[in-house]
Amino acid sequence: MSLPEIRCGHCGRKLAEGHVLVLSIKCPRCRAHNHLKAAEPPASASSHATAKDAHAWPTPHHR
């Protein structure tokens, strides 16, 4: 199973791999601030949520 890539919303550089709840990261290439947040809270152990329910999308913020 491969992990989803997390890329800079401005320049597209790969910043990380994995699933995130909340992440704030500055791109070392273009210096854009990327803020990611899961679309839904994590599923409880009794829930039958799939991996597609927790996608995060980068939102670049420029200074």
C-alpha atoms as a PDB file:
ATOM      1  CA  MET A   1       0.000   0.000   0.000  1.00  0.00           C
ATOM      2  CA  SER A   2       1.482   3.333  -1.012  1.00  0.00           C
ATOM      3  CA  LEU A   3       0.913   6.497   0.976  1.00  0.00           C
ATOM      4  CA  PRO A   4      -0.568   9.608  -0.655  1.00  0.00           C
ATOM      5  CA  GLU A   5       1.910  12.320  -1.587  1.00  0.00           C
ATOM      6  CA  ILE A   6       1.657  15.776  -0.052  1.00  0.00           C
ATOM      7  CA  ARG A   7       2.832  18.402  -2.542  1.00  0.00           C
ATOM      8  CA  CYS A   8       3.288  22.169  -2.391  1.00  0.00           C
ATOM      9  CA  GLY A   9       0.170  23.911  -3.663  1.00  0.00           C
ATOM     10  CA  HIS A  10       2.324  26.591  -5.307  1.00  0.00           C
ATOM     11  CA  CYS A  11       5.253  24.849  -7.027  1.00  0.00           C
ATOM     12  CA  GLY A  12       4.259  21.169  -6.772  1.00  0.00           C
ATOM     13  CA  ARG A  13       7.364  19.979  -4.908  1.00  0.00           C
ATOM     14  CA  LYS A  14       6.813  16.787  -2.917  1.00  0.00           C
ATOM     15  CA  LEU A  15       6.864  17.727   0.765  1.00  0.00           C
ATOM     16  CA  ALA A  16       5.837  14.480   2.470  1.00  0.00           C
ATOM     17  CA  GLU A  17       3.963  11.191   2.209  1.00  0.00           C
ATOM     18  CA  GLY A  18       1.180   9.997   4.490  1.00  0.00           C
ATOM     19  CA  HIS A  19      -2.158  10.818   6.011  1.00  0.00           C
ATOM     20  CA  VAL A  20      -2.583  14.037   7.991  1.00  0.00           C
ATOM     21  CA  LEU A  21      -5.154  15.504  10.335  1.00  0.00           C
ATOM     22  CA  VAL A  22      -3.611  18.978  10.396  1.00  0.00           C
ATOM     23  CA  LEU A  23      -0.291  20.059   8.895  1.00  0.00           C
ATOM     24  CA  SER A  24       1.391  23.398   8.364  1.00  0.00           C
ATOM     25  CA  ILE A  25       4.599  23.214   6.349  1.00  0.00           C
ATOM     26  CA  LYS A  26       6.779  25.726   4.513  1.00  0.00           C
ATOM     27  CA  CYS A  27       8.086  24.639   1.106  1.00  0.00           C
ATOM     28  CA  PRO A  28      11.892  24.737   1.012  1.00  0.00           C
ATOM     29  CA  ARG A  29      11.866  25.495  -2.730  1.00  0.00           C
ATOM     30  CA  CYS A  30       9.409  28.400  -3.112  1.00  0.00           C
ATOM     31  CA  ARG A  31       8.871  29.341   0.576  1.00  0.00           C
ATOM     32  CA  ALA A  32       5.059  29.069   0.284  1.00  0.00           C
ATOM     33  CA  HIS A  33       3.213  28.169   3.472  1.00  0.00           C
ATOM     34  CA  ASN A  34       1.014  25.097   2.958  1.00  0.00           C
ATOM     35  CA  HIS A  35      -1.799  24.376   5.405  1.00  0.00           C
ATOM     36  CA  LEU A  36      -3.533  21.003   5.159  1.00  0.00           C
ATOM     37  CA  LYS A  37      -6.487  19.749   7.119  1.00  0.00           C
ATOM     38  CA  ALA A  38      -8.362  16.451   6.835  1.00  0.00           C
ATOM     39  CA  ALA A  39     -11.755  16.730   5.160  1.00  0.00           C
ATOM     40  CA  GLU A  40     -13.338  14.759   8.028  1.00  0.00           C
ATOM     41  CA  PRO A  41     -12.245  13.877  11.574  1.00  0.00           C
ATOM     42  CA  PRO A  42     -10.603  10.478  12.039  1.00  0.00           C
ATOM     43  CA  ALA A  43     -12.991   7.535  12.112  1.00  0.00           C
ATOM     44  CA  SER A  44     -13.556   5.743  15.389  1.00  0.00           C
ATOM     45  CA  ALA A  45     -12.576   2.090  15.717  1.00  0.00           C
ATOM     46  CA  SER A  46     -16.200   1.003  15.229  1.00  0.00           C
ATOM     47  CA  SER A  47     -16.691   3.057  12.053  1.00  0.00           C
ATOM     48  CA  HIS A  48     -16.233   1.657   8.531  1.00  0.00           C
ATOM     49  CA  ALA A  49     -14.704   4.745   6.906  1.00  0.00           C
ATOM     50  CA  THR A  50     -12.448   4.311   3.890  1.00  0.00           C
ATOM     51  CA  ALA A  51      -9.122   5.986   3.155  1.00  0.00           C
ATOM     52  CA  LYS A  52     -10.757   8.283   0.583  1.00  0.00           C
ATOM     53  CA  ASP A  53     -12.755   9.931   3.416  1.00  0.00           C
ATOM     54  CA  ALA A  54      -9.647  11.593   4.891  1.00  0.00           C
ATOM     55  CA  HIS A  55      -8.065  13.377   1.904  1.00  0.00           C
ATOM     56  CA  ALA A  56      -6.290  16.631   2.598  1.00  0.00           C
ATOM     57  CA  TRP A  57      -5.765  19.391   0.058  1.00  0.00           C
ATOM     58  CA  PRO A  58      -2.948  21.952   0.187  1.00  0.00           C
ATOM     59  CA  THR A  59      -3.808  25.613   0.544  1.00  0.00           C
ATOM     60  CA  PRO A  60      -0.774  27.777  -0.221  1.00  0.00           C
ATOM     61  CA  HIS A  61      -0.443  31.045   1.680  1.00  0.00           C
ATOM     62  CA  HIS A  62       2.053  33.601   0.464  1.00  0.00           C
ATOM     63  CA  ARG A  63       3.650  36.330   2.515  1.00  0.00           C
END
